[in-house]
Amino acid sequence: MRPTIPIFLFILLVAAIGLVLGCALALHYACNIPLNDMSHLSGVIDPVLIIVIVLETVALIVHSFKTDAAVRTTNKSVTATTAAVQTIQGSVDTTKAAVDMIGKSVKLLERDKVYLRLIGSAQSAEIYIHHLSFAQSTSTGGEEEEQRRVVDFLASLKSACSKLSGPDREPDVKILGPNLREKIGGLWERKLQGCEVRVSGDVQNYDIRIQVVDDKTAVIGVGPLANESERGFLIESYMLADTLNDRFMKLWNNPLTTPLNKFTIERAMENLEMTGPLDRLREIIRDSFHVPVDEITHQIIKLLVDEDRLMLEDNYFYRSDTIHELQQKRHLTDAELKQCLIDKGTGLSDQAVAKFVNLVRKVDGNQAVGYTTSQPPNRAERPIDSEPGNASPPNKSYV
C-alpha cells in the first residue's frame, strides 16, 4: 500500500532532523567542535530547512488537489448511489404494482369453493373447456355434500356441451383423466354428458388439477397425488391459461394417451373368463370400474359387443376371440369342436361347451347375436378409437 501525504511529510521531517544531527556529530568528531556550538552548522542547516519547507509546501499543495479530487469523486459516487436507490425504489414500486395486479386476478379457494369455480367457468365457456382431473365419481364414498358438488359439476359439463355444439361440429369439451381402472366409472360419467374423454398415465403423477376455459380463465386444484384437491386457485390470466392449455394439449395428443373407449375395452377384457352369466359380467364391471349407475354398465357392455369383444346369447356372454378361433375350424363336426374346447383346458361345463359350438354355427350362418335387428352392427361406423359425444341409450335387447 502506498503511504498517504501526512505520513510522507512526517517521514520527510524526521529525515531532515536526522540529517542535521548527523552533520553536527560529524563536525564534532572531525573538527572537535562542541555540540553546544551549532553556529558552524548554520551554513548546512539553513539550506536543509529551506528544502524541507519547500518539499512540505509542495506536498501539502499536492495533497490538497488530491483531496479535492477525492471529494469530487465521492460526490459523484453519492449522486450515482442516489440514482441507483431511486431506480431500485422505482423497481420496488413496479413490483408492488405487479403483485397487487396478480393479487386481484388470483383468488385462493377452499375445497368447497373449487367446484363452484369449476361450475361457474364451465357455464361461461364460449369456445372450449379443457379439464385435467382425477374424475371424482358420484359413487365416491364421503359426505353427501361432496357427491352433490360432483353432480352439479357434471350438469354444468352437459350444459356446456350442448351450448358449444353445432350442426357441423362437436363441442370442444375435453376431459383428461388417469389410466386407473377404478377411475373408469367417473370418467364415463363425464363421457355421458357429451365430453370427449381420454386417459394418460402421466395424470396420476400430477399434484395439480386444471380446468382451462377460453384461453382466459384457469381453475387450479392442489392436493396429494391421485387424490382429491384440498384447495385451489381461480386465476384470470391469458398468459397462464395459454401456458396451461399448451401443456394440456401436449398430454392430450401424446401417442401414449388413450381414448376412454379403448382403455375401457382393454381393462374389461383382462382376465375375463370365456363365458358366464350376464349378471356376473355386470357385477364385474360395476365392482372393477366403480361404476355409479346402471346406465354406464349398459353402455360398457354395448361397447364390448359393438367392438366384437363379446357376444351375448340367452343371458350369457361369450368371448369373441374364442368364437373366432373356433370358426377357423368350422369344417370340424360339433363333437370335434367340443373336444377342441375341452383340450384347451378351459374347465367349461358340458352345457357351456355345447353353447359355444351352437354360437359358432350361428355366426357362420350370419345370424345376429344379441341384437333385435336383422343385421349385425356395422363396426366400421364406430371404430374403437372414436369418442362420440353423446352416448345412445342402452339397447335393452342384450341387457
Protein backbone atom coordinates (compact mmCIF):
# COMPACT_ATOMS: atom_id res chain seq x y z
CA MET A 1 0.00 0.00 0.00
CA ARG A 2 1.36 3.48 -0.90
CA PRO A 3 1.80 5.94 2.10
CA THR A 4 -0.61 8.85 2.33
CA ILE A 5 0.60 12.51 2.20
CA PRO A 6 0.56 13.18 6.00
CA ILE A 7 2.71 10.10 6.64
CA PHE A 8 5.04 11.13 3.84
CA LEU A 9 5.52 14.61 5.41
CA PHE A 10 6.26 13.08 8.79
CA ILE A 11 8.92 10.82 7.29
CA LEU A 12 10.44 13.79 5.44
CA LEU A 13 10.63 15.85 8.64
CA VAL A 14 12.29 13.03 10.57
CA ALA A 15 14.79 12.58 7.75
CA ALA A 16 15.67 16.31 7.85
CA ILE A 17 16.22 16.28 11.62
CA GLY A 18 18.35 13.19 11.24
CA LEU A 19 20.42 14.90 8.56
CA VAL A 20 21.08 17.95 10.80
CA LEU A 21 22.04 15.78 13.77
CA GLY A 22 24.28 13.71 11.53
CA CYS A 23 26.11 16.79 10.31
CA ALA A 24 26.57 18.06 13.89
CA LEU A 25 28.03 14.78 15.04
CA ALA A 26 30.31 14.61 12.02
CA LEU A 27 31.71 18.10 12.72
CA HIS A 28 32.09 17.33 16.43
CA TYR A 29 34.23 14.29 15.86
CA ALA A 30 36.10 15.58 12.81
CA CYS A 31 36.87 19.13 13.96
CA ASN A 32 36.38 18.96 17.76
CA ILE A 33 33.56 21.44 17.53
CA PRO A 34 31.47 21.30 20.70
CA LEU A 35 27.88 20.08 20.26
CA ASN A 36 26.51 23.16 22.10
CA ASP A 37 28.04 25.43 19.49
CA MET A 38 25.91 24.99 16.34
CA SER A 39 26.86 28.24 14.70
CA HIS A 40 29.14 26.39 12.35
CA LEU A 41 26.18 24.39 11.12
CA SER A 42 24.15 27.37 10.02
CA GLY A 43 25.53 27.04 6.51
CA VAL A 44 24.24 23.47 6.42
CA ILE A 45 21.03 23.71 8.45
CA ASP A 46 19.56 26.72 6.65
CA PRO A 47 19.61 25.13 3.16
CA VAL A 48 18.26 21.87 4.58
CA LEU A 49 15.41 23.64 6.36
CA ILE A 50 14.59 25.59 3.22
CA ILE A 51 14.48 22.37 1.17
CA VAL A 52 12.29 20.67 3.79
CA ILE A 53 9.90 23.63 3.90
CA VAL A 54 9.68 23.73 0.10
CA LEU A 55 9.06 19.97 -0.11
CA GLU A 56 6.42 20.13 2.63
CA THR A 57 4.69 23.02 0.89
CA VAL A 58 4.66 21.14 -2.43
CA ALA A 59 3.39 18.02 -0.70
CA LEU A 60 0.61 19.98 1.02
CA ILE A 61 -0.43 21.53 -2.30
CA VAL A 62 -0.47 18.10 -4.00
CA HIS A 63 -2.39 16.64 -1.08
CA SER A 64 -4.91 19.48 -1.32
CA PHE A 65 -5.51 18.80 -5.02
CA LYS A 66 -5.86 15.06 -4.39
CA THR A 67 -8.28 15.67 -1.52
CA ASP A 68 -10.37 17.94 -3.71
CA ALA A 69 -10.42 15.28 -6.48
CA ALA A 70 -11.41 12.64 -3.92
CA VAL A 71 -14.24 14.85 -2.68
CA ARG A 72 -15.47 15.32 -6.24
CA THR A 73 -15.28 11.54 -6.84
CA THR A 74 -17.14 10.92 -3.60
CA ASN A 75 -19.82 13.41 -4.64
CA LYS A 76 -20.18 11.59 -7.96
CA SER A 77 -20.46 8.26 -6.12
CA VAL A 78 -23.09 9.71 -3.81
CA THR A 79 -25.00 11.04 -6.82
CA ALA A 80 -24.76 7.67 -8.58
CA THR A 81 -25.82 5.86 -5.40
CA THR A 82 -28.78 8.21 -5.02
CA ALA A 83 -29.80 7.50 -8.63
CA ALA A 84 -29.42 3.75 -8.03
CA VAL A 85 -31.58 3.96 -4.91
CA GLN A 86 -34.21 5.87 -6.86
CA THR A 87 -34.07 3.22 -9.60
CA ILE A 88 -34.43 0.45 -7.02
CA GLN A 89 -37.33 2.29 -5.44
CA GLY A 90 -38.94 2.55 -8.88
CA SER A 91 -38.47 -1.20 -9.39
CA VAL A 92 -39.95 -1.88 -5.97
CA ASP A 93 -42.95 0.27 -6.83
CA THR A 94 -43.35 -1.53 -10.17
CA THR A 95 -43.05 -4.92 -8.50
CA LYS A 96 -45.57 -3.92 -5.85
CA ALA A 97 -47.96 -2.80 -8.57
CA ALA A 98 -47.48 -6.14 -10.36
CA VAL A 99 -48.07 -8.05 -7.14
CA ASP A 100 -51.19 -6.00 -6.50
CA MET A 101 -52.38 -6.78 -10.03
CA ILE A 102 -51.68 -10.50 -9.59
CA GLY A 103 -53.38 -10.41 -6.23
CA LYS A 104 -56.50 -9.03 -7.84
CA SER A 105 -56.52 -11.77 -10.55
CA VAL A 106 -55.71 -14.70 -8.22
CA LYS A 107 -58.31 -15.96 -5.78
CA LEU A 108 -57.48 -18.61 -3.17
CA LEU A 109 -60.22 -21.25 -2.98
CA GLU A 110 -61.08 -23.65 -0.22
CA ARG A 111 -62.20 -27.16 -1.12
CA ASP A 112 -65.90 -26.32 -1.15
CA LYS A 113 -65.30 -23.35 -3.45
CA VAL A 114 -63.22 -25.21 -6.06
CA TYR A 115 -66.27 -26.92 -7.57
CA LEU A 116 -68.21 -23.65 -7.57
CA ARG A 117 -65.49 -22.05 -9.70
CA LEU A 118 -65.29 -25.11 -11.95
CA ILE A 119 -69.03 -24.91 -12.49
CA GLY A 120 -69.03 -21.14 -12.99
CA SER A 121 -66.19 -21.14 -15.52
CA ALA A 122 -67.74 -24.07 -17.42
CA GLN A 123 -71.06 -22.27 -17.66
CA SER A 124 -69.34 -19.16 -19.05
CA ALA A 125 -67.38 -21.06 -21.74
CA GLU A 126 -67.80 -19.79 -25.28
CA ILE A 127 -65.02 -21.67 -27.11
CA TYR A 128 -63.69 -24.65 -25.17
CA ILE A 129 -63.23 -26.37 -21.82
CA HIS A 130 -60.10 -28.43 -21.22
CA HIS A 131 -60.06 -30.27 -17.92
CA LEU A 132 -57.33 -32.44 -16.36
CA SER A 133 -58.90 -34.31 -13.49
CA PHE A 134 -58.85 -37.35 -11.22
CA ALA A 135 -62.53 -37.83 -12.09
CA GLN A 136 -64.36 -37.89 -8.79
CA SER A 137 -67.43 -40.09 -9.17
CA THR A 138 -70.90 -39.64 -7.73
CA SER A 139 -70.40 -43.07 -6.14
CA THR A 140 -67.27 -41.97 -4.29
CA GLY A 141 -67.67 -42.56 -0.59
CA GLY A 142 -67.76 -39.49 1.59
CA GLU A 143 -70.04 -36.65 2.51
CA GLU A 144 -73.34 -36.19 0.76
CA GLU A 145 -72.31 -32.58 0.11
CA GLU A 146 -69.28 -33.76 -1.88
CA GLN A 147 -71.42 -36.02 -4.05
CA ARG A 148 -73.79 -33.13 -4.69
CA ARG A 149 -70.89 -31.00 -5.90
CA VAL A 150 -69.90 -33.68 -8.40
CA VAL A 151 -73.50 -33.95 -9.64
CA ASP A 152 -73.68 -30.17 -10.13
CA PHE A 153 -70.36 -30.15 -11.96
CA LEU A 154 -71.49 -32.92 -14.31
CA ALA A 155 -74.64 -30.92 -15.03
CA SER A 156 -72.52 -27.88 -15.93
CA LEU A 157 -70.47 -30.01 -18.35
CA LYS A 158 -73.63 -31.29 -20.01
CA SER A 159 -74.94 -27.74 -20.36
CA ALA A 160 -71.61 -26.57 -21.80
CA CYS A 161 -71.51 -29.43 -24.32
CA SER A 162 -74.98 -28.51 -25.52
CA LYS A 163 -74.08 -24.83 -25.72
CA LEU A 164 -70.78 -25.36 -27.59
CA SER A 165 -72.06 -27.94 -30.08
CA GLY A 166 -73.36 -27.08 -33.51
CA PRO A 167 -74.90 -28.70 -36.60
CA ASP A 168 -71.47 -29.41 -38.08
CA ARG A 169 -69.18 -29.54 -35.06
CA GLU A 170 -68.69 -31.44 -31.84
CA PRO A 171 -68.28 -29.43 -28.63
CA ASP A 172 -64.66 -28.81 -27.64
CA VAL A 173 -65.03 -30.14 -24.10
CA LYS A 174 -62.09 -32.39 -23.35
CA ILE A 175 -61.53 -34.41 -20.17
CA LEU A 176 -58.13 -35.98 -19.50
CA GLY A 177 -58.03 -38.45 -16.62
CA PRO A 178 -55.69 -41.07 -15.12
CA ASN A 179 -55.42 -44.54 -16.64
CA LEU A 180 -56.58 -46.21 -13.47
CA ARG A 181 -59.20 -48.97 -13.52
CA GLU A 182 -61.05 -47.53 -10.52
CA LYS A 183 -61.48 -44.17 -12.29
CA ILE A 184 -63.30 -45.56 -15.34
CA GLY A 185 -66.72 -45.07 -13.73
CA GLY A 186 -66.12 -41.38 -13.01
CA LEU A 187 -64.70 -40.80 -16.50
CA TRP A 188 -67.73 -42.45 -18.09
CA GLU A 189 -69.97 -40.11 -16.10
CA ARG A 190 -68.27 -37.24 -17.90
CA LYS A 191 -68.46 -39.02 -21.24
CA LEU A 192 -72.22 -39.43 -20.90
CA GLN A 193 -72.54 -35.65 -20.54
CA GLY A 194 -71.12 -35.28 -24.07
CA CYS A 195 -67.42 -34.77 -23.25
CA GLU A 196 -64.56 -36.27 -25.20
CA VAL A 197 -62.56 -38.31 -22.71
CA ARG A 198 -59.05 -39.74 -22.79
CA VAL A 199 -56.72 -41.24 -20.19
CA SER A 200 -52.99 -40.81 -19.59
CA GLY A 201 -50.52 -42.44 -17.25
CA ASP A 202 -48.97 -39.02 -16.61
CA VAL A 203 -52.06 -37.62 -14.91
CA GLN A 204 -51.68 -39.58 -11.68
CA ASN A 205 -48.18 -38.11 -11.30
CA TYR A 206 -49.60 -34.57 -11.11
CA ASP A 207 -50.29 -32.86 -7.81
CA ILE A 208 -52.48 -30.27 -9.56
CA ARG A 209 -55.73 -30.49 -11.49
CA ILE A 210 -56.58 -27.83 -14.03
CA GLN A 211 -59.54 -26.53 -15.97
CA VAL A 212 -58.78 -24.00 -18.69
CA VAL A 213 -61.61 -22.09 -20.33
CA ASP A 214 -61.34 -19.98 -23.50
CA ASP A 215 -57.66 -19.08 -23.01
CA LYS A 216 -58.58 -16.62 -20.28
CA THR A 217 -59.52 -18.45 -17.09
CA ALA A 218 -57.78 -21.24 -15.18
CA VAL A 219 -59.06 -23.09 -12.14
CA ILE A 220 -56.26 -24.99 -10.42
CA GLY A 221 -56.80 -27.60 -7.74
CA VAL A 222 -53.91 -28.62 -5.48
CA GLY A 223 -53.67 -31.78 -3.43
CA PRO A 224 -51.88 -35.10 -2.89
CA LEU A 225 -51.04 -37.28 -5.87
CA ALA A 226 -54.00 -39.25 -7.25
CA ASN A 227 -56.35 -37.76 -4.68
CA GLU A 228 -58.92 -35.01 -4.44
CA SER A 229 -57.92 -31.35 -4.36
CA GLU A 230 -57.58 -29.84 -0.89
CA ARG A 231 -57.60 -26.23 -2.10
CA GLY A 232 -57.42 -24.32 -5.33
CA PHE A 233 -56.97 -21.06 -7.18
CA LEU A 234 -59.00 -19.12 -9.69
CA ILE A 235 -56.66 -17.19 -11.98
CA GLU A 236 -57.84 -14.89 -14.72
CA SER A 237 -54.71 -14.56 -16.82
CA TYR A 238 -54.31 -15.00 -20.56
CA MET A 239 -50.61 -15.92 -20.27
CA LEU A 240 -51.15 -18.57 -17.59
CA ALA A 241 -54.26 -20.01 -19.27
CA ASP A 242 -52.43 -20.24 -22.59
CA THR A 243 -49.42 -21.94 -20.97
CA LEU A 244 -51.55 -24.47 -19.09
CA ASN A 245 -53.60 -25.21 -22.20
CA ASP A 246 -50.43 -25.86 -24.21
CA ARG A 247 -49.34 -28.38 -21.60
CA PHE A 248 -52.79 -29.98 -21.60
CA MET A 249 -52.82 -30.37 -25.39
CA LYS A 250 -49.34 -31.94 -25.38
CA LEU A 251 -50.61 -34.60 -22.99
CA TRP A 252 -53.86 -34.95 -24.95
CA ASN A 253 -52.02 -35.58 -28.24
CA ASN A 254 -49.33 -37.80 -26.74
CA PRO A 255 -49.26 -41.19 -28.52
CA LEU A 256 -49.46 -42.91 -25.13
CA THR A 257 -52.72 -41.13 -24.29
CA THR A 258 -55.66 -43.47 -24.88
CA PRO A 259 -59.33 -42.81 -25.74
CA LEU A 260 -61.65 -43.90 -22.96
CA ASN A 261 -63.41 -46.47 -25.18
CA LYS A 262 -60.18 -48.28 -25.95
CA PHE A 263 -58.95 -48.14 -22.35
CA THR A 264 -62.27 -49.49 -21.09
CA ILE A 265 -62.15 -52.43 -23.50
CA GLU A 266 -58.58 -53.29 -22.57
CA ARG A 267 -59.31 -53.29 -18.85
CA ALA A 268 -62.65 -55.11 -19.24
CA MET A 269 -61.14 -57.98 -21.20
CA GLU A 270 -58.24 -58.51 -18.80
CA ASN A 271 -58.61 -61.93 -17.16
CA LEU A 272 -62.28 -62.13 -18.18
CA GLU A 273 -63.41 -65.76 -18.37
CA MET A 274 -64.54 -67.16 -21.72
CA THR A 275 -68.19 -67.26 -20.76
CA GLY A 276 -70.54 -66.67 -17.89
CA PRO A 277 -73.92 -65.29 -16.84
CA LEU A 278 -74.67 -61.75 -17.97
CA ASP A 279 -75.41 -60.76 -14.37
CA ARG A 280 -71.88 -61.82 -13.47
CA LEU A 281 -70.50 -59.56 -16.23
CA ARG A 282 -72.50 -56.61 -14.88
CA GLU A 283 -71.16 -57.27 -11.39
CA ILE A 284 -67.54 -57.41 -12.64
CA ILE A 285 -67.92 -54.09 -14.46
CA ARG A 286 -69.58 -52.33 -11.51
CA ASP A 287 -67.03 -53.53 -8.96
CA SER A 288 -63.88 -53.21 -11.06
CA PHE A 289 -64.63 -49.81 -12.56
CA HIS A 290 -66.53 -48.26 -9.64
CA VAL A 291 -69.47 -47.64 -11.92
CA PRO A 292 -72.02 -45.43 -10.15
CA VAL A 293 -75.12 -46.05 -12.30
CA ASP A 294 -76.55 -48.93 -14.32
CA GLU A 295 -76.65 -46.84 -17.48
CA ILE A 296 -72.85 -46.80 -17.61
CA THR A 297 -72.78 -50.58 -17.14
CA HIS A 298 -75.18 -50.92 -20.08
CA GLN A 299 -73.04 -48.63 -22.23
CA ILE A 300 -69.82 -50.54 -21.47
CA ILE A 301 -71.43 -53.89 -22.33
CA LYS A 302 -72.80 -52.37 -25.53
CA LEU A 303 -69.32 -51.11 -26.38
CA LEU A 304 -67.82 -54.57 -25.87
CA VAL A 305 -70.43 -56.09 -28.17
CA ASP A 306 -70.15 -53.33 -30.79
CA GLU A 307 -66.38 -53.75 -30.94
CA ASP A 308 -66.68 -57.53 -31.26
CA ARG A 309 -65.10 -58.36 -27.93
CA LEU A 310 -68.14 -60.18 -26.54
CA MET A 311 -71.16 -61.99 -27.90
CA LEU A 312 -74.37 -62.40 -25.92
CA GLU A 313 -76.82 -65.26 -26.08
CA ASP A 314 -79.56 -66.36 -23.67
CA ASN A 315 -78.35 -64.08 -20.85
CA TYR A 316 -74.79 -65.38 -21.18
CA PHE A 317 -71.71 -63.66 -22.51
CA TYR A 318 -69.03 -65.32 -24.66
CA ARG A 319 -65.61 -64.04 -25.59
CA SER A 320 -65.50 -63.27 -29.30
CA ASP A 321 -61.84 -64.28 -29.64
CA THR A 322 -62.73 -67.84 -28.63
CA ILE A 323 -65.64 -67.87 -31.11
CA HIS A 324 -63.39 -66.67 -33.94
CA GLU A 325 -60.76 -69.24 -33.05
CA LEU A 326 -63.34 -72.00 -33.37
CA GLN A 327 -64.55 -70.51 -36.64
CA GLN A 328 -61.17 -71.31 -38.12
CA LYS A 329 -62.10 -74.93 -37.50
CA ARG A 330 -65.64 -74.73 -38.77
CA HIS A 331 -65.06 -77.73 -41.04
CA LEU A 332 -64.94 -79.96 -37.94
CA THR A 333 -68.01 -81.68 -36.59
CA ASP A 334 -69.76 -80.43 -33.48
CA ALA A 335 -68.22 -83.24 -31.46
CA GLU A 336 -64.74 -82.31 -32.69
CA LEU A 337 -65.29 -78.64 -31.86
CA LYS A 338 -66.40 -79.61 -28.38
CA GLN A 339 -63.28 -81.68 -27.98
CA CYS A 340 -61.14 -78.69 -29.05
CA LEU A 341 -62.62 -76.63 -26.22
CA ILE A 342 -62.10 -79.44 -23.74
CA ASP A 343 -58.50 -79.83 -24.87
CA LYS A 344 -57.88 -76.11 -24.19
CA GLY A 345 -58.34 -76.91 -20.51
CA THR A 346 -60.95 -74.22 -20.03
CA GLY A 347 -62.86 -76.10 -17.35
CA LEU A 348 -66.16 -75.30 -19.08
CA SER A 349 -69.24 -77.36 -18.28
CA ASP A 350 -70.73 -79.58 -20.97
CA GLN A 351 -73.61 -77.11 -21.30
CA ALA A 352 -71.22 -74.17 -21.84
CA VAL A 353 -69.23 -76.15 -24.43
CA ALA A 354 -72.42 -77.01 -26.30
CA LYS A 355 -73.49 -73.32 -26.28
CA PHE A 356 -70.11 -72.27 -27.68
CA VAL A 357 -70.44 -74.70 -30.59
CA ASN A 358 -74.03 -73.59 -31.24
CA LEU A 359 -72.89 -69.95 -31.28
CA VAL A 360 -70.14 -70.73 -33.79
CA ARG A 361 -72.69 -72.23 -36.14
CA LYS A 362 -74.96 -69.18 -35.72
CA VAL A 363 -72.17 -66.78 -36.60
CA ASP A 364 -71.29 -68.88 -39.63
CA GLY A 365 -74.89 -68.56 -40.72
CA ASN A 366 -74.68 -64.72 -40.40
CA GLN A 367 -77.32 -64.72 -37.71
CA ALA A 368 -77.23 -61.68 -35.47
CA VAL A 369 -76.26 -62.46 -31.89
CA GLY A 370 -77.51 -60.31 -29.04
CA TYR A 371 -79.38 -57.83 -31.21
CA THR A 372 -83.02 -57.46 -32.13
CA THR A 373 -82.13 -56.07 -35.57
CA SER A 374 -81.75 -58.38 -38.54
CA GLN A 375 -78.18 -57.24 -39.22
CA PRO A 376 -75.09 -57.35 -37.02
CA PRO A 377 -73.64 -53.98 -36.02
CA ASN A 378 -71.69 -52.04 -38.62
CA ARG A 379 -68.39 -51.87 -36.79
CA ALA A 380 -66.82 -49.61 -39.40
CA GLU A 381 -69.06 -46.79 -38.22
CA ARG A 382 -67.80 -46.98 -34.65
CA PRO A 383 -64.03 -47.55 -34.62
CA ILE A 384 -62.53 -48.40 -31.27
CA ASP A 385 -60.62 -45.10 -31.08
CA SER A 386 -63.68 -42.96 -31.67
CA GLU A 387 -65.17 -40.97 -28.82
CA PRO A 388 -68.70 -39.98 -29.80
CA GLY A 389 -70.07 -37.11 -27.81
CA ASN A 390 -73.44 -38.25 -26.53
CA ALA A 391 -73.82 -41.94 -25.87
CA SER A 392 -77.01 -43.55 -27.10
CA PRO A 393 -79.42 -45.12 -24.64
CA PRO A 394 -78.78 -48.79 -23.82
CA ASN A 395 -80.10 -51.47 -26.15
CA LYS A 396 -82.43 -53.41 -23.90
CA SER A 397 -82.23 -56.44 -26.21
CA TYR A 398 -78.93 -57.51 -24.71
CA VAL A 399 -79.00 -56.11 -21.20
